[in-house]
Amino acid sequence: MPAIQKILVIRLSSIGDIILTTPVLRRLHAAYPDARIDFCTKPPFVTLLSSNPRLSAIYTTEQLPGEAYDLVVDLQNNHRSRTIVRSLNAKEKVKYQKENWKKWLMVQWKLDLYSASQSVVDRYQAALNKFEVPDDLQGCELYPSPSDQAFAEPYAEGGTKTLALCFGAKHFTKRFPPQRFAALLSLLLKGGSIRVLLLGGREDASKATEILNALPPPYRSKVINLSGSCSLMQTAAILQLSDAVLTNDTGLMHMASAFGKKLFVLFGSSSSLFGFLPYHTPYDLFQVDGLPCRPCSHIGRNRCPKGHFRCMNDLSEERIAGHIVKHFLRS
């Protein structure tokens, strides 16, 4: 096999999927310490990788690489990424096998053809089997800048335990209802000295308002709404300083996993079989087992097709709050 001196990794979107490529970047760097490793993604996600020490350059779909590579690793494997790969001069080209047909059978007919619940990171890794890139059994990585860390520091001061709440998600069926989050937070805030930070993007800001409005007035001063007011890496720095994270199945879940945080994860229409559980970090998973309509989609839906939304509505606020309280008592 010819020497590998220049590598390009492609993953175009989204937040969580890109963060889940970082173990592969680290392992490629360890296997080929003298090689140049570049990355290609969509412009909004460059900031997730700009401080990554494994990378030499970051290209985007608006500014594609024009040089030759010894190895191109396509971890997106869709029409756009395949078009990019075909445009490149590369000695070796490999791609991630998405196995969408297994997802389709699971969603449509509830046929489970997965031999085990395998992380998508391991499926990314499998694309490199012929190149002797060993697994290092470590998790994801993110590198907030000093300015991002300085932004986050005031939210972790005072000796109070901090719970970050990542309450958003792109699709409705992955979002625990705001009123239910408010009920859960009420259980937590009445029982101890906890600070809650609401984290999300501008698109999540209205849901943050719903959570705050549904809280009893005495508890609202213990909740800081940061949704829509932080950059991606400022959010990462806040997660880095938090004591634990309560989260839907969303990109911020994987962001928190990059810092080894204890995660309390709520899965609605999602299935762990699709490979997107937190990677090599401690977590408690809350889901409604045995629900015959679940999963109803591998990415989420904008409404519950059955109308009852039991995959989220049947989750117990008391049980979730109990796990979080026990964690804080032990830590």
Protein backbone atom coordinates (compact mmCIF):
# COMPACT_ATOMS: atom_id res chain seq x y z
CA MET A 1 0.00 0.00 0.00
CA PRO A 2 1.44 3.41 -0.96
CA ALA A 3 2.40 5.87 1.76
CA ILE A 4 -0.40 8.15 2.93
CA GLN A 5 0.68 11.75 3.33
CA LYS A 6 -2.52 13.69 2.58
CA ILE A 7 -6.01 12.76 3.82
CA LEU A 8 -9.36 14.47 3.29
CA VAL A 9 -12.38 13.63 5.47
CA ILE A 10 -15.84 14.72 4.28
CA ARG A 11 -18.87 15.17 6.52
CA LEU A 12 -21.14 17.98 5.39
CA SER A 13 -23.70 18.08 8.22
CA SER A 14 -24.99 18.29 10.94
CA ILE A 15 -23.75 19.24 14.42
CA GLY A 16 -23.93 15.82 16.05
CA ASP A 17 -22.79 13.89 12.99
CA ILE A 18 -19.73 16.10 12.60
CA ILE A 19 -18.81 15.78 16.28
CA LEU A 20 -19.10 12.01 15.89
CA THR A 21 -16.35 12.11 13.25
CA THR A 22 -13.79 13.44 15.76
CA PRO A 23 -12.77 10.01 17.12
CA VAL A 24 -11.95 8.99 13.54
CA LEU A 25 -9.87 12.14 13.05
CA ARG A 26 -7.93 11.39 16.22
CA ARG A 27 -7.32 7.78 15.18
CA LEU A 28 -6.22 8.78 11.67
CA HIS A 29 -3.77 11.23 13.23
CA ALA A 30 -2.40 8.49 15.50
CA ALA A 31 -2.07 6.01 12.62
CA TYR A 32 -0.48 8.55 10.25
CA PRO A 33 1.22 11.12 12.52
CA ASP A 34 3.13 12.73 9.65
CA ALA A 35 0.14 13.02 7.32
CA ARG A 36 -1.80 16.18 6.58
CA ILE A 37 -5.49 15.75 7.45
CA ASP A 38 -8.05 18.14 5.94
CA PHE A 39 -11.82 18.30 6.38
CA CYS A 40 -14.70 19.39 4.16
CA THR A 41 -18.07 20.45 5.59
CA LYS A 42 -20.82 23.05 5.14
CA PRO A 43 -19.93 26.63 6.16
CA PRO A 44 -22.12 26.81 9.32
CA PHE A 45 -20.20 23.93 10.90
CA VAL A 46 -16.61 25.07 10.34
CA THR A 47 -16.44 26.47 13.86
CA LEU A 48 -16.88 22.99 15.32
CA LEU A 49 -13.55 21.96 13.82
CA SER A 50 -11.53 25.16 13.53
CA SER A 51 -9.55 24.52 16.75
CA ASN A 52 -9.16 20.77 16.26
CA PRO A 53 -5.41 20.01 16.49
CA ARG A 54 -5.73 16.98 14.21
CA LEU A 55 -6.65 19.12 11.20
CA SER A 56 -4.44 21.14 8.86
CA ALA A 57 -7.16 22.83 6.78
CA ILE A 58 -10.95 23.04 6.62
CA TYR A 59 -12.72 23.36 3.29
CA THR A 60 -16.39 23.98 2.64
CA THR A 61 -18.96 23.25 -0.01
CA GLU A 62 -18.42 26.85 -1.14
CA GLN A 63 -14.63 26.51 -1.27
CA LEU A 64 -13.73 22.96 -2.23
CA PRO A 65 -10.21 21.56 -2.06
CA GLY A 66 -8.36 21.61 -5.34
CA GLU A 67 -5.35 19.49 -4.48
CA ALA A 68 -4.60 15.79 -4.76
CA TYR A 69 -5.02 13.40 -1.84
CA ASP A 70 -3.70 9.96 -1.02
CA LEU A 71 -6.92 9.09 0.81
CA VAL A 72 -10.42 10.59 0.76
CA VAL A 73 -12.83 9.39 3.45
CA ASP A 74 -16.48 10.15 2.70
CA LEU A 75 -18.38 9.97 6.00
CA GLN A 76 -21.50 11.58 4.50
CA ASN A 77 -22.13 9.32 1.51
CA ASN A 78 -24.94 11.25 -0.12
CA HIS A 79 -25.34 12.69 -3.61
CA ARG A 80 -23.50 15.92 -2.81
CA SER A 81 -20.54 14.30 -1.06
CA ARG A 82 -20.18 11.70 -3.81
CA THR A 83 -20.12 14.52 -6.37
CA ILE A 84 -17.32 16.18 -4.41
CA VAL A 85 -15.37 12.92 -4.21
CA ARG A 86 -15.65 12.38 -7.97
CA SER A 87 -14.21 15.85 -8.55
CA LEU A 88 -11.07 15.11 -6.53
CA ASN A 89 -7.77 13.62 -7.56
CA ALA A 90 -7.38 10.83 -4.99
CA LYS A 91 -5.42 7.58 -4.95
CA GLU A 92 -7.79 5.90 -2.49
CA LYS A 93 -11.47 6.68 -1.83
CA VAL A 94 -13.57 5.05 0.87
CA LYS A 95 -17.06 5.76 2.18
CA TYR A 96 -19.23 5.12 5.20
CA GLN A 97 -21.94 2.50 4.66
CA LYS A 98 -25.16 4.10 5.90
CA GLU A 99 -27.34 0.94 5.85
CA ASN A 100 -30.46 3.02 5.25
CA TRP A 101 -32.32 -0.09 4.18
CA LYS A 102 -32.07 -1.45 7.73
CA LYS A 103 -33.47 1.81 9.09
CA TRP A 104 -36.32 1.65 6.57
CA LEU A 105 -37.26 -1.90 7.58
CA MET A 106 -37.11 -0.96 11.26
CA VAL A 107 -39.33 2.11 10.77
CA GLN A 108 -41.81 0.62 8.31
CA TRP A 109 -42.12 -2.95 9.53
CA LYS A 110 -40.31 -2.99 12.91
CA LEU A 111 -37.94 -5.62 11.54
CA ASP A 112 -34.73 -5.48 13.56
CA LEU A 113 -31.86 -6.61 11.35
CA TYR A 114 -29.20 -4.98 13.51
CA SER A 115 -26.94 -7.58 15.15
CA ALA A 116 -26.24 -5.14 18.00
CA SER A 117 -26.62 -1.49 18.87
CA GLN A 118 -23.48 -0.22 17.11
CA SER A 119 -22.46 3.43 17.28
CA VAL A 120 -22.26 5.34 14.03
CA VAL A 121 -18.65 6.09 15.08
CA ASP A 122 -17.88 2.39 14.73
CA ARG A 123 -19.51 2.38 11.30
CA TYR A 124 -17.40 5.39 10.35
CA GLN A 125 -14.39 3.43 11.61
CA ALA A 126 -15.32 0.42 9.50
CA ALA A 127 -14.74 2.48 6.36
CA LEU A 128 -11.05 2.47 7.28
CA ASN A 129 -10.65 -1.26 7.93
CA LYS A 130 -8.15 -1.78 5.10
CA PHE A 131 -5.90 1.02 6.38
CA GLU A 132 -5.07 -0.45 9.81
CA VAL A 133 -6.46 2.48 11.78
CA PRO A 134 -6.96 1.08 15.31
CA ASP A 135 -9.83 1.94 17.63
CA ASP A 136 -8.62 3.80 20.73
CA LEU A 137 -11.84 3.35 22.79
CA GLN A 138 -12.02 7.08 23.50
CA GLY A 139 -14.85 9.50 22.90
CA CYS A 140 -15.53 12.64 20.88
CA GLU A 141 -13.52 15.87 21.04
CA LEU A 142 -14.23 19.60 20.89
CA TYR A 143 -11.86 22.49 21.56
CA PRO A 144 -13.52 25.74 22.70
CA SER A 145 -11.23 28.75 22.34
CA PRO A 146 -10.01 30.75 25.36
CA SER A 147 -12.56 33.46 24.49
CA ASP A 148 -15.36 30.87 24.41
CA GLN A 149 -14.24 29.55 27.78
CA ALA A 150 -14.11 33.07 29.21
CA PHE A 151 -17.68 33.62 28.02
CA ALA A 152 -18.81 30.46 29.84
CA GLU A 153 -17.03 30.99 33.16
CA PRO A 154 -19.62 33.29 34.83
CA TYR A 155 -22.28 30.59 34.44
CA ALA A 156 -20.36 28.07 36.53
CA GLU A 157 -19.42 30.26 39.48
CA GLY A 158 -20.66 30.21 43.05
CA GLY A 159 -20.36 26.56 44.01
CA THR A 160 -23.90 25.74 42.83
CA LYS A 161 -24.43 22.56 40.82
CA THR A 162 -25.21 23.42 37.21
CA LEU A 163 -27.59 21.43 35.03
CA ALA A 164 -27.51 22.29 31.32
CA LEU A 165 -30.83 21.64 29.62
CA CYS A 166 -30.69 21.05 25.86
CA PHE A 167 -34.43 21.22 25.25
CA GLY A 168 -34.54 21.62 21.47
CA ALA A 169 -34.33 19.31 18.48
CA LYS A 170 -35.01 19.85 14.80
CA HIS A 171 -38.06 17.57 14.71
CA PHE A 172 -41.12 17.65 16.96
CA THR A 173 -41.05 13.92 17.81
CA LYS A 174 -37.57 14.30 19.32
CA ARG A 175 -38.65 17.14 21.66
CA PHE A 176 -39.90 16.57 25.19
CA PRO A 177 -42.81 19.05 25.56
CA PRO A 178 -41.90 22.39 27.21
CA GLN A 179 -44.60 22.05 29.88
CA ARG A 180 -43.21 18.64 30.81
CA PHE A 181 -39.70 20.09 31.07
CA ALA A 182 -41.12 22.78 33.36
CA ALA A 183 -42.71 20.13 35.58
CA LEU A 184 -39.44 18.20 35.69
CA LEU A 185 -37.44 21.32 36.57
CA SER A 186 -39.94 22.15 39.31
CA LEU A 187 -39.19 18.81 40.95
CA LEU A 188 -35.46 19.51 40.78
CA LEU A 189 -35.55 23.13 41.89
CA LYS A 190 -37.72 22.59 44.93
CA GLY A 191 -35.39 19.98 46.31
CA GLY A 192 -31.98 21.63 46.29
CA SER A 193 -29.56 24.30 45.17
CA ILE A 194 -29.32 23.77 41.42
CA ARG A 195 -28.74 26.28 38.63
CA VAL A 196 -30.35 25.42 35.26
CA LEU A 197 -29.03 26.77 31.96
CA LEU A 198 -31.33 26.60 28.93
CA LEU A 199 -29.25 25.99 25.80
CA GLY A 200 -30.36 26.07 22.20
CA GLY A 201 -30.34 28.06 18.99
CA ARG A 202 -32.46 30.99 17.88
CA GLU A 203 -35.01 28.54 16.51
CA ASP A 204 -35.47 27.17 20.05
CA ALA A 205 -36.02 30.50 21.80
CA SER A 206 -39.83 30.32 21.80
CA LYS A 207 -39.72 26.91 23.50
CA ALA A 208 -37.44 28.35 26.19
CA THR A 209 -40.05 31.01 26.84
CA GLU A 210 -42.71 28.32 27.16
CA ILE A 211 -40.59 26.46 29.73
CA LEU A 212 -40.01 29.61 31.77
CA ASN A 213 -43.65 30.68 31.65
CA ALA A 214 -44.77 27.25 32.83
CA LEU A 215 -42.43 27.31 35.85
CA PRO A 216 -43.77 28.47 39.21
CA PRO A 217 -42.53 32.07 39.74
CA PRO A 218 -40.25 31.22 42.72
CA TYR A 219 -38.17 28.91 40.50
CA ARG A 220 -37.67 31.20 37.51
CA SER A 221 -34.73 33.03 39.09
CA LYS A 222 -32.84 29.72 39.21
CA VAL A 223 -33.10 29.24 35.44
CA ILE A 224 -30.92 31.20 33.00
CA ASN A 225 -32.15 31.32 29.42
CA LEU A 226 -29.19 31.33 27.02
CA SER A 227 -31.02 30.00 23.96
CA GLY A 228 -30.27 32.01 20.87
CA SER A 229 -27.60 34.09 22.59
CA CYS A 230 -24.54 31.82 22.29
CA SER A 231 -22.43 30.72 19.37
CA LEU A 232 -21.92 27.01 18.83
CA MET A 233 -18.57 26.99 20.57
CA GLN A 234 -19.74 29.25 23.39
CA THR A 235 -22.46 26.67 23.95
CA ALA A 236 -19.76 23.97 23.93
CA ALA A 237 -17.78 25.87 26.57
CA ILE A 238 -20.86 26.15 28.79
CA LEU A 239 -21.47 22.42 28.46
CA GLN A 240 -17.81 21.82 29.33
CA LEU A 241 -18.29 23.66 32.64
CA SER A 242 -21.70 22.18 33.51
CA ASP A 243 -22.01 19.42 36.10
CA ALA A 244 -24.57 17.37 34.15
CA VAL A 245 -26.72 17.65 31.03
CA LEU A 246 -30.39 16.84 30.47
CA THR A 247 -30.99 16.56 26.76
CA ASN A 248 -33.20 15.46 23.92
CA ASP A 249 -31.68 13.43 21.09
CA THR A 250 -29.98 16.40 19.45
CA GLY A 251 -26.61 17.70 18.30
CA LEU A 252 -25.96 19.35 21.66
CA MET A 253 -26.15 15.89 23.24
CA HIS A 254 -23.08 14.87 21.24
CA MET A 255 -21.46 18.22 21.98
CA ALA A 256 -21.78 17.52 25.72
CA SER A 257 -20.46 13.99 25.23
CA ALA A 258 -17.19 15.45 23.92
CA PHE A 259 -16.46 16.61 27.49
CA GLY A 260 -17.34 13.33 29.20
CA LYS A 261 -20.36 14.86 30.93
CA LYS A 262 -22.99 12.75 32.67
CA LEU A 263 -25.95 12.85 30.31
CA PHE A 264 -29.62 12.26 30.99
CA VAL A 265 -30.98 11.48 27.53
CA LEU A 266 -34.63 11.52 26.42
CA PHE A 267 -35.45 9.46 23.33
CA GLY A 268 -38.89 9.85 21.76
CA SER A 269 -39.27 8.56 18.22
CA SER A 270 -35.56 7.71 18.11
CA SER A 271 -34.09 4.23 18.44
CA SER A 272 -30.70 3.40 19.91
CA LEU A 273 -30.30 0.82 17.12
CA PHE A 274 -29.64 3.64 14.65
CA GLY A 275 -26.31 4.28 16.38
CA PHE A 276 -26.64 7.79 17.79
CA LEU A 277 -26.38 7.27 21.53
CA PRO A 278 -23.70 9.28 23.37
CA TYR A 279 -20.29 7.82 22.54
CA HIS A 280 -17.96 6.66 25.33
CA THR A 281 -19.44 8.91 28.00
CA PRO A 282 -21.74 8.04 30.94
CA TYR A 283 -25.46 8.45 30.32
CA ASP A 284 -28.88 7.41 31.57
CA LEU A 285 -31.35 6.75 28.74
CA PHE A 286 -35.07 7.37 29.18
CA GLN A 287 -37.38 5.90 26.56
CA VAL A 288 -40.74 4.13 26.36
CA ASP A 289 -39.93 0.49 25.69
CA GLY A 290 -42.42 -1.78 23.98
CA LEU A 291 -44.31 0.95 22.16
CA PRO A 292 -45.39 -0.72 18.88
CA CYS A 293 -45.28 2.50 16.82
CA ARG A 294 -41.71 3.34 17.83
CA PRO A 295 -39.54 4.20 15.96
CA CYS A 296 -41.77 6.05 13.50
CA SER A 297 -38.80 7.66 11.72
CA HIS A 298 -35.02 7.44 11.75
CA ILE A 299 -34.62 11.24 11.80
CA GLY A 300 -37.83 12.45 13.49
CA ARG A 301 -41.19 13.85 12.38
CA ASN A 302 -42.95 17.19 12.61
CA ARG A 303 -45.95 15.57 14.32
CA CYS A 304 -46.89 12.29 15.95
CA PRO A 305 -48.49 10.13 13.20
CA LYS A 306 -50.69 8.40 15.82
CA GLY A 307 -51.73 11.61 17.53
CA HIS A 308 -50.93 10.46 21.08
CA PHE A 309 -47.18 11.17 21.24
CA ARG A 310 -46.78 8.44 23.84
CA CYS A 311 -43.06 8.05 23.10
CA MET A 312 -42.55 11.33 24.99
CA ASN A 313 -45.77 11.73 26.98
CA ASP A 314 -45.32 8.39 28.77
CA LEU A 315 -41.90 9.35 30.15
CA SER A 316 -41.97 10.02 33.90
CA GLU A 317 -40.74 13.40 35.15
CA GLU A 318 -40.43 11.92 38.64
CA ARG A 319 -38.17 9.11 37.45
CA ILE A 320 -35.94 11.41 35.41
CA ALA A 321 -35.68 13.94 38.25
CA GLY A 322 -34.83 11.14 40.69
CA HIS A 323 -31.87 10.02 38.59
CA ILE A 324 -30.58 13.58 38.31
CA VAL A 325 -30.90 14.21 42.06
CA LYS A 326 -29.04 10.98 42.86
CA HIS A 327 -26.24 11.99 40.51
CA PHE A 328 -25.85 15.39 42.16
CA LEU A 329 -25.89 13.82 45.63
CA ARG A 330 -23.09 11.45 44.63
CA SER A 331 -20.96 14.02 42.80
